[in-house]
């Protein structure tokens, strides 16, 4: 990915931080599986699988922990 799509982990609010965490997860999937066609085919499987949906939520939560720490948990 050549463009600088992530200039900072700093966000103004926790909600923006969560949105960034979600984007980090999505970009990670996109980099791991660059084919949009394959991702679309796989989506039909995981959107019906509770374990895979929970795993996706866990990835977002881990990214959110990172973003929150980078923002000093929005103190101040």
PDB file of N, CA and C in Angstrom:
ATOM      1  N   UNK A   1       0.857  -1.170   0.000  1.00  0.00           N
ATOM      2  CA  UNK A   1       0.000   0.000   0.000  1.00  0.00           C
ATOM      3  C   UNK A   1       0.900   1.228   0.000  1.00  0.00           C
ATOM      4  N   UNK A   2       0.890   1.947  -1.083  1.00  0.00           N
ATOM      5  CA  UNK A   2       1.809   3.054  -1.262  1.00  0.00           C
ATOM      6  C   UNK A   2       1.351   4.346  -0.591  1.00  0.00           C
ATOM      7  N   UNK A   3       0.068   4.593  -0.586  1.00  0.00           N
ATOM      8  CA  UNK A   3      -0.417   5.850  -0.017  1.00  0.00           C
ATOM      9  C   UNK A   3      -0.256   5.866   1.505  1.00  0.00           C
ATOM     10  N   UNK A   4      -0.098   7.065   2.054  1.00  0.00           N
ATOM     11  CA  UNK A   4       0.018   7.226   3.503  1.00  0.00           C
ATOM     12  C   UNK A   4      -1.388   7.410   4.075  1.00  0.00           C
ATOM     13  N   UNK A   5      -2.090   6.311   4.270  1.00  0.00           N
ATOM     14  CA  UNK A   5      -3.470   6.367   4.742  1.00  0.00           C
ATOM     15  C   UNK A   5      -3.554   6.431   6.263  1.00  0.00           C
ATOM     16  N   UNK A   6      -2.415   6.245   6.950  1.00  0.00           N
ATOM     17  CA  UNK A   6      -2.415   6.249   8.415  1.00  0.00           C
ATOM     18  C   UNK A   6      -1.329   7.200   8.929  1.00  0.00           C
ATOM     19  N   UNK A   7      -1.593   8.494   8.853  1.00  0.00           N
ATOM     20  CA  UNK A   7      -0.567   9.441   9.299  1.00  0.00           C
ATOM     21  C   UNK A   7      -0.390   9.480  10.817  1.00  0.00           C
ATOM     22  N   UNK A   8      -1.388   9.024  11.569  1.00  0.00           N
ATOM     23  CA  UNK A   8      -1.318   9.095  13.025  1.00  0.00           C
ATOM     24  C   UNK A   8      -2.363   8.166  13.643  1.00  0.00           C
ATOM     25  N   UNK A   9      -2.090   7.735  14.860  1.00  0.00           N
ATOM     26  CA  UNK A   9      -3.097   7.001  15.634  1.00  0.00           C
ATOM     27  C   UNK A   9      -3.892   7.946  16.528  1.00  0.00           C
ATOM     28  N   UNK A  10      -3.562   9.219  16.507  1.00  0.00           N
ATOM     29  CA  UNK A  10      -4.250  10.203  17.345  1.00  0.00           C
ATOM     30  C   UNK A  10      -5.649  10.484  16.804  1.00  0.00           C
ATOM     31  N   UNK A  11      -6.620  10.482  17.701  1.00  0.00           N
ATOM     32  CA  UNK A  11      -7.996  10.827  17.354  1.00  0.00           C
ATOM     33  C   UNK A  11      -8.543  11.766  18.418  1.00  0.00           C
ATOM     34  N   UNK A  12      -9.557  12.498  18.057  1.00  0.00           N
ATOM     35  CA  UNK A  12     -10.122  13.481  18.994  1.00  0.00           C
ATOM     36  C   UNK A  12     -10.990  12.844  20.069  1.00  0.00           C
ATOM     37  N   UNK A  13     -11.629  11.738  19.741  1.00  0.00           N
ATOM     38  CA  UNK A  13     -12.577  11.128  20.673  1.00  0.00           C
ATOM     39  C   UNK A  13     -12.435   9.608  20.661  1.00  0.00           C
ATOM     40  N   UNK A  14     -12.937   8.947  21.690  1.00  0.00           N
ATOM     41  CA  UNK A  14     -12.953   7.487  21.667  1.00  0.00           C
ATOM     42  C   UNK A  14     -13.742   6.917  20.487  1.00  0.00           C
ATOM     43  N   UNK A  15     -14.835   7.567  20.099  1.00  0.00           N
ATOM     44  CA  UNK A  15     -15.604   7.068  18.960  1.00  0.00           C
ATOM     45  C   UNK A  15     -14.765   7.102  17.687  1.00  0.00           C
ATOM     46  N   UNK A  16     -14.036   8.196  17.471  1.00  0.00           N
ATOM     47  CA  UNK A  16     -13.146   8.267  16.314  1.00  0.00           C
ATOM     48  C   UNK A  16     -12.058   7.193  16.421  1.00  0.00           C
ATOM     49  N   UNK A  17     -11.621   6.928  17.639  1.00  0.00           N
ATOM     50  CA  UNK A  17     -10.629   5.885  17.863  1.00  0.00           C
ATOM     51  C   UNK A  17     -11.163   4.508  17.497  1.00  0.00           C
ATOM     52  N   UNK A  18     -12.413   4.267  17.844  1.00  0.00           N
ATOM     53  CA  UNK A  18     -13.026   2.985  17.496  1.00  0.00           C
ATOM     54  C   UNK A  18     -13.189   2.855  15.984  1.00  0.00           C
ATOM     55  N   UNK A  19     -13.577   3.945  15.343  1.00  0.00           N
ATOM     56  CA  UNK A  19     -13.695   3.928  13.883  1.00  0.00           C
ATOM     57  C   UNK A  19     -12.338   3.664  13.234  1.00  0.00           C
ATOM     58  N   UNK A  20     -11.285   4.243  13.787  1.00  0.00           N
ATOM     59  CA  UNK A  20      -9.940   3.979  13.279  1.00  0.00           C
ATOM     60  C   UNK A  20      -9.559   2.519  13.501  1.00  0.00           C
ATOM     61  N   UNK A  21      -9.878   1.980  14.655  1.00  0.00           N
ATOM     62  CA  UNK A  21      -9.581   0.571  14.949  1.00  0.00           C
ATOM     63  C   UNK A  21     -10.286  -0.345  13.950  1.00  0.00           C
ATOM     64  N   UNK A  22     -11.528  -0.008  13.623  1.00  0.00           N
ATOM     65  CA  UNK A  22     -12.274  -0.789  12.638  1.00  0.00           C
ATOM     66  C   UNK A  22     -11.612  -0.695  11.273  1.00  0.00           C
ATOM     67  N   UNK A  23     -11.162   0.496  10.916  1.00  0.00           N
ATOM     68  CA  UNK A  23     -10.479   0.666   9.628  1.00  0.00           C
ATOM     69  C   UNK A  23      -9.174  -0.129   9.602  1.00  0.00           C
ATOM     70  N   UNK A  24      -8.441  -0.123  10.712  1.00  0.00           N
ATOM     71  CA  UNK A  24      -7.205  -0.906  10.777  1.00  0.00           C
ATOM     72  C   UNK A  24      -7.480  -2.384  10.517  1.00  0.00           C
ATOM     73  N   UNK A  25      -8.551  -2.893  11.104  1.00  0.00           N
ATOM     74  CA  UNK A  25      -8.906  -4.295  10.896  1.00  0.00           C
ATOM     75  C   UNK A  25      -9.259  -4.552   9.436  1.00  0.00           C
ATOM     76  N   UNK A  26     -10.025  -3.663   8.855  1.00  0.00           N
ATOM     77  CA  UNK A  26     -10.440  -3.838   7.456  1.00  0.00           C
ATOM     78  C   UNK A  26      -9.256  -3.758   6.505  1.00  0.00           C
ATOM     79  N   UNK A  27      -8.361  -2.823   6.747  1.00  0.00           N
ATOM     80  CA  UNK A  27      -7.180  -2.705   5.891  1.00  0.00           C
ATOM     81  C   UNK A  27      -6.294  -3.940   6.048  1.00  0.00           C
ATOM     82  N   UNK A  28      -6.209  -4.455   7.264  1.00  0.00           N
ATOM     83  CA  UNK A  28      -5.433  -5.671   7.481  1.00  0.00           C
ATOM     84  C   UNK A  28      -5.958  -6.838   6.666  1.00  0.00           C
ATOM     85  N   UNK A  29      -7.273  -6.977   6.617  1.00  0.00           N
ATOM     86  CA  UNK A  29      -7.877  -8.040   5.811  1.00  0.00           C
ATOM     87  C   UNK A  29      -7.585  -7.801   4.331  1.00  0.00           C
ATOM     88  N   UNK A  30      -7.710  -6.557   3.907  1.00  0.00           N
ATOM     89  CA  UNK A  30      -7.476  -6.209   2.507  1.00  0.00           C
ATOM     90  C   UNK A  30      -6.030  -6.501   2.090  1.00  0.00           C
ATOM     91  N   UNK A  31      -5.087  -6.221   2.975  1.00  0.00           N
ATOM     92  CA  UNK A  31      -3.691  -6.501   2.668  1.00  0.00           C
ATOM     93  C   UNK A  31      -3.412  -7.999   2.668  1.00  0.00           C
ATOM     94  N   UNK A  32      -4.078  -8.711   3.559  1.00  0.00           N
ATOM     95  CA  UNK A  32      -3.897 -10.163   3.643  1.00  0.00           C
ATOM     96  C   UNK A  32      -4.515 -10.863   2.439  1.00  0.00           C
ATOM     97  N   UNK A  33      -5.693 -10.391   2.014  1.00  0.00           N
ATOM     98  CA  UNK A  33      -6.375 -10.980   0.851  1.00  0.00           C
ATOM     99  C   UNK A  33      -6.708  -9.838  -0.112  1.00  0.00           C
ATOM    100  N   UNK A  34      -5.790  -9.532  -1.036  1.00  0.00           N
ATOM    101  CA  UNK A  34      -5.994  -8.388  -1.923  1.00  0.00           C
ATOM    102  C   UNK A  34      -7.111  -8.552  -2.957  1.00  0.00           C
ATOM    103  N   UNK A  35      -7.579  -9.753  -3.187  1.00  0.00           N
ATOM    104  CA  UNK A  35      -8.621  -9.964  -4.182  1.00  0.00           C
ATOM    105  C   UNK A  35     -10.000  -9.641  -3.602  1.00  0.00           C
ATOM    106  N   UNK A  36     -10.628  -8.606  -4.150  1.00  0.00           N
ATOM    107  CA  UNK A  36     -11.978  -8.242  -3.707  1.00  0.00           C
ATOM    108  C   UNK A  36     -12.966  -9.365  -4.001  1.00  0.00           C
ATOM    109  N   UNK A  37     -12.775 -10.055  -5.108  1.00  0.00           N
ATOM    110  CA  UNK A  37     -13.666 -11.171  -5.446  1.00  0.00           C
ATOM    111  C   UNK A  37     -13.603 -12.276  -4.397  1.00  0.00           C
ATOM    112  N   UNK A  38     -12.395 -12.615  -3.967  1.00  0.00           N
ATOM    113  CA  UNK A  38     -12.239 -13.663  -2.954  1.00  0.00           C
ATOM    114  C   UNK A  38     -12.839 -13.193  -1.632  1.00  0.00           C
ATOM    115  N   UNK A  39     -12.570 -11.935  -1.242  1.00  0.00           N
ATOM    116  CA  UNK A  39     -13.145 -11.411  -0.001  1.00  0.00           C
ATOM    117  C   UNK A  39     -14.667 -11.458  -0.037  1.00  0.00           C
ATOM    118  N   UNK A  40     -15.253 -11.100  -1.178  1.00  0.00           N
ATOM    119  CA  UNK A  40     -16.721 -11.142  -1.310  1.00  0.00           C
ATOM    120  C   UNK A  40     -17.249 -12.561  -1.169  1.00  0.00           C
ATOM    121  N   UNK A  41     -16.557 -13.523  -1.736  1.00  0.00           N
ATOM    122  CA  UNK A  41     -16.985 -14.922  -1.628  1.00  0.00           C
ATOM    123  C   UNK A  41     -16.868 -15.416  -0.188  1.00  0.00           C
ATOM    124  N   UNK A  42     -15.793 -15.043   0.485  1.00  0.00           N
ATOM    125  CA  UNK A  42     -15.587 -15.481   1.865  1.00  0.00           C
ATOM    126  C   UNK A  42     -16.583 -14.842   2.828  1.00  0.00           C
ATOM    127  N   UNK A  43     -16.989 -13.633   2.522  1.00  0.00           N
ATOM    128  CA  UNK A  43     -17.916 -12.914   3.410  1.00  0.00           C
ATOM    129  C   UNK A  43     -19.198 -13.711   3.633  1.00  0.00           C
ATOM    130  N   UNK A  44     -19.683 -14.370   2.598  1.00  0.00           N
ATOM    131  CA  UNK A  44     -20.917 -15.167   2.730  1.00  0.00           C
ATOM    132  C   UNK A  44     -20.769 -16.269   3.771  1.00  0.00           C
ATOM    133  N   UNK A  45     -19.543 -16.760   3.944  1.00  0.00           N
ATOM    134  CA  UNK A  45     -19.295 -17.807   4.940  1.00  0.00           C
ATOM    135  C   UNK A  45     -19.199 -17.217   6.344  1.00  0.00           C
ATOM    136  N   UNK A  46     -18.350 -16.196   6.515  1.00  0.00           N
ATOM    137  CA  UNK A  46     -18.117 -15.726   7.880  1.00  0.00           C
ATOM    138  C   UNK A  46     -19.256 -14.887   8.444  1.00  0.00           C
ATOM    139  N   UNK A  47     -20.084 -14.291   7.594  1.00  0.00           N
ATOM    140  CA  UNK A  47     -21.175 -13.479   8.138  1.00  0.00           C
ATOM    141  C   UNK A  47     -22.259 -14.328   8.796  1.00  0.00           C
ATOM    142  N   UNK A  48     -22.215 -15.637   8.585  1.00  0.00           N
ATOM    143  CA  UNK A  48     -23.162 -16.568   9.196  1.00  0.00           C
ATOM    144  C   UNK A  48     -22.521 -17.404  10.307  1.00  0.00           C
ATOM    145  N   UNK A  49     -21.269 -17.104  10.641  1.00  0.00           N
ATOM    146  CA  UNK A  49     -20.512 -17.917  11.597  1.00  0.00           C
ATOM    147  C   UNK A  49     -20.192 -17.078  12.837  1.00  0.00           C
ATOM    148  N   UNK A  50     -20.865 -17.386  13.931  1.00  0.00           N
ATOM    149  CA  UNK A  50     -20.700 -16.596  15.156  1.00  0.00           C
ATOM    150  C   UNK A  50     -19.249 -16.563  15.630  1.00  0.00           C
ATOM    151  N   UNK A  51     -18.543 -17.666  15.549  1.00  0.00           N
ATOM    152  CA  UNK A  51     -17.148 -17.710  16.008  1.00  0.00           C
ATOM    153  C   UNK A  51     -16.272 -16.771  15.184  1.00  0.00           C
ATOM    154  N   UNK A  52     -16.504 -16.729  13.878  1.00  0.00           N
ATOM    155  CA  UNK A  52     -15.702 -15.843  13.037  1.00  0.00           C
ATOM    156  C   UNK A  52     -16.061 -14.377  13.269  1.00  0.00           C
ATOM    157  N   UNK A  53     -17.321 -14.104  13.548  1.00  0.00           N
ATOM    158  CA  UNK A  53     -17.722 -12.734  13.862  1.00  0.00           C
ATOM    159  C   UNK A  53     -17.109 -12.278  15.189  1.00  0.00           C
ATOM    160  N   UNK A  54     -17.079 -13.169  16.164  1.00  0.00           N
ATOM    161  CA  UNK A  54     -16.444 -12.849  17.448  1.00  0.00           C
ATOM    162  C   UNK A  54     -14.954 -12.615  17.244  1.00  0.00           C
ATOM    163  N   UNK A  55     -14.310 -13.435  16.421  1.00  0.00           N
ATOM    164  CA  UNK A  55     -12.877 -13.255  16.134  1.00  0.00           C
ATOM    165  C   UNK A  55     -12.635 -11.892  15.485  1.00  0.00           C
ATOM    166  N   UNK A  56     -13.516 -11.476  14.592  1.00  0.00           N
ATOM    167  CA  UNK A  56     -13.388 -10.156  13.964  1.00  0.00           C
ATOM    168  C   UNK A  56     -13.504  -9.046  15.009  1.00  0.00           C
ATOM    169  N   UNK A  57     -14.447  -9.209  15.927  1.00  0.00           N
ATOM    170  CA  UNK A  57     -14.607  -8.229  17.004  1.00  0.00           C
ATOM    171  C   UNK A  57     -13.367  -8.170  17.888  1.00  0.00           C
ATOM    172  N   UNK A  58     -12.744  -9.309  18.121  1.00  0.00           N
ATOM    173  CA  UNK A  58     -11.525  -9.343  18.930  1.00  0.00           C
ATOM    174  C   UNK A  58     -10.389  -8.582  18.253  1.00  0.00           C
ATOM    175  N   UNK A  59     -10.266  -8.724  16.946  1.00  0.00           N
ATOM    176  CA  UNK A  59      -9.226  -7.999  16.209  1.00  0.00           C
ATOM    177  C   UNK A  59      -9.462  -6.494  16.341  1.00  0.00           C
ATOM    178  N   UNK A  60     -10.707  -6.071  16.179  1.00  0.00           N
ATOM    179  CA  UNK A  60     -11.018  -4.644  16.334  1.00  0.00           C
ATOM    180  C   UNK A  60     -10.704  -4.183  17.755  1.00  0.00           C
ATOM    181  N   UNK A  61     -11.035  -4.994  18.748  1.00  0.00           N
ATOM    182  CA  UNK A  61     -10.771  -4.633  20.145  1.00  0.00           C
ATOM    183  C   UNK A  61      -9.277  -4.470  20.402  1.00  0.00           C
ATOM    184  N   UNK A  62      -8.474  -5.340  19.830  1.00  0.00           N
ATOM    185  CA  UNK A  62      -7.019  -5.227  19.996  1.00  0.00           C
ATOM    186  C   UNK A  62      -6.517  -3.927  19.359  1.00  0.00           C
ATOM    187  N   UNK A  63      -7.010  -3.624  18.158  1.00  0.00           N
ATOM    188  CA  UNK A  63      -6.626  -2.357  17.519  1.00  0.00           C
ATOM    189  C   UNK A  63      -7.095  -1.173  18.363  1.00  0.00           C
ATOM    190  N   UNK A  64      -8.293  -1.272  18.943  1.00  0.00           N
ATOM    191  CA  UNK A  64      -8.800  -0.172  19.762  1.00  0.00           C
ATOM    192  C   UNK A  64      -7.921   0.039  20.992  1.00  0.00           C
ATOM    193  N   UNK A  65      -7.440  -1.030  21.592  1.00  0.00           N
ATOM    194  CA  UNK A  65      -6.514  -0.900  22.724  1.00  0.00           C
ATOM    195  C   UNK A  65      -5.275  -0.113  22.314  1.00  0.00           C
ATOM    196  N   UNK A  66      -4.756  -0.401  21.136  1.00  0.00           N
ATOM    197  CA  UNK A  66      -3.571   0.293  20.640  1.00  0.00           C
ATOM    198  C   UNK A  66      -3.861   1.773  20.419  1.00  0.00           C
ATOM    199  N   UNK A  67      -4.985   2.066  19.764  1.00  0.00           N
ATOM    200  CA  UNK A  67      -5.356   3.456  19.499  1.00  0.00           C
ATOM    201  C   UNK A  67      -5.613   4.191  20.808  1.00  0.00           C
ATOM    202  N   UNK A  68      -6.296   3.559  21.744  1.00  0.00           N
ATOM    203  CA  UNK A  68      -6.569   4.207  23.044  1.00  0.00           C
ATOM    204  C   UNK A  68      -5.271   4.525  23.766  1.00  0.00           C
ATOM    205  N   UNK A  69      -4.332   3.608  23.764  1.00  0.00           N
ATOM    206  CA  UNK A  69      -3.040   3.858  24.420  1.00  0.00           C
ATOM    207  C   UNK A  69      -2.305   5.008  23.733  1.00  0.00           C
ATOM    208  N   UNK A  70      -2.352   5.064  22.408  1.00  0.00           N
ATOM    209  CA  UNK A  70      -1.689   6.134  21.667  1.00  0.00           C
ATOM    210  C   UNK A  70      -2.306   7.492  21.986  1.00  0.00           C
ATOM    211  N   UNK A  71      -3.561   7.488  22.403  1.00  0.00           N
ATOM    212  CA  UNK A  71      -4.260   8.710  22.751  1.00  0.00           C
ATOM    213  C   UNK A  71      -4.307   8.961  24.253  1.00  0.00           C
ATOM    214  N   UNK A  72      -3.461   8.259  24.975  1.00  0.00           N
ATOM    215  CA  UNK A  72      -3.432   8.344  26.443  1.00  0.00           C
ATOM    216  C   UNK A  72      -4.834   8.198  27.013  1.00  0.00           C
ATOM    217  N   UNK A  73      -5.598   7.314  26.387  1.00  0.00           N
ATOM    218  CA  UNK A  73      -6.963   7.005  26.828  1.00  0.00           C
ATOM    219  C   UNK A  73      -7.836   8.253  26.912  1.00  0.00           C
ATOM    220  N   UNK A  74      -7.528   9.223  26.048  1.00  0.00           N
ATOM    221  CA  UNK A  74      -8.276  10.473  25.910  1.00  0.00           C
ATOM    222  C   UNK A  74      -8.351  11.251  27.224  1.00  0.00           C
ATOM    223  N   UNK A  75      -7.294  11.157  28.009  1.00  0.00           N
ATOM    224  CA  UNK A  75      -7.220  11.951  29.246  1.00  0.00           C
ATOM    225  C   UNK A  75      -6.896  13.406  28.895  1.00  0.00           C
ATOM    226  N   UNK A  76      -7.378  14.275  29.717  1.00  0.00           N
ATOM    227  CA  UNK A  76      -6.949  15.655  29.604  1.00  0.00           C
ATOM    228  C   UNK A  76      -7.852  16.500  28.833  1.00  0.00           C
TER     229      UNK A  76
END
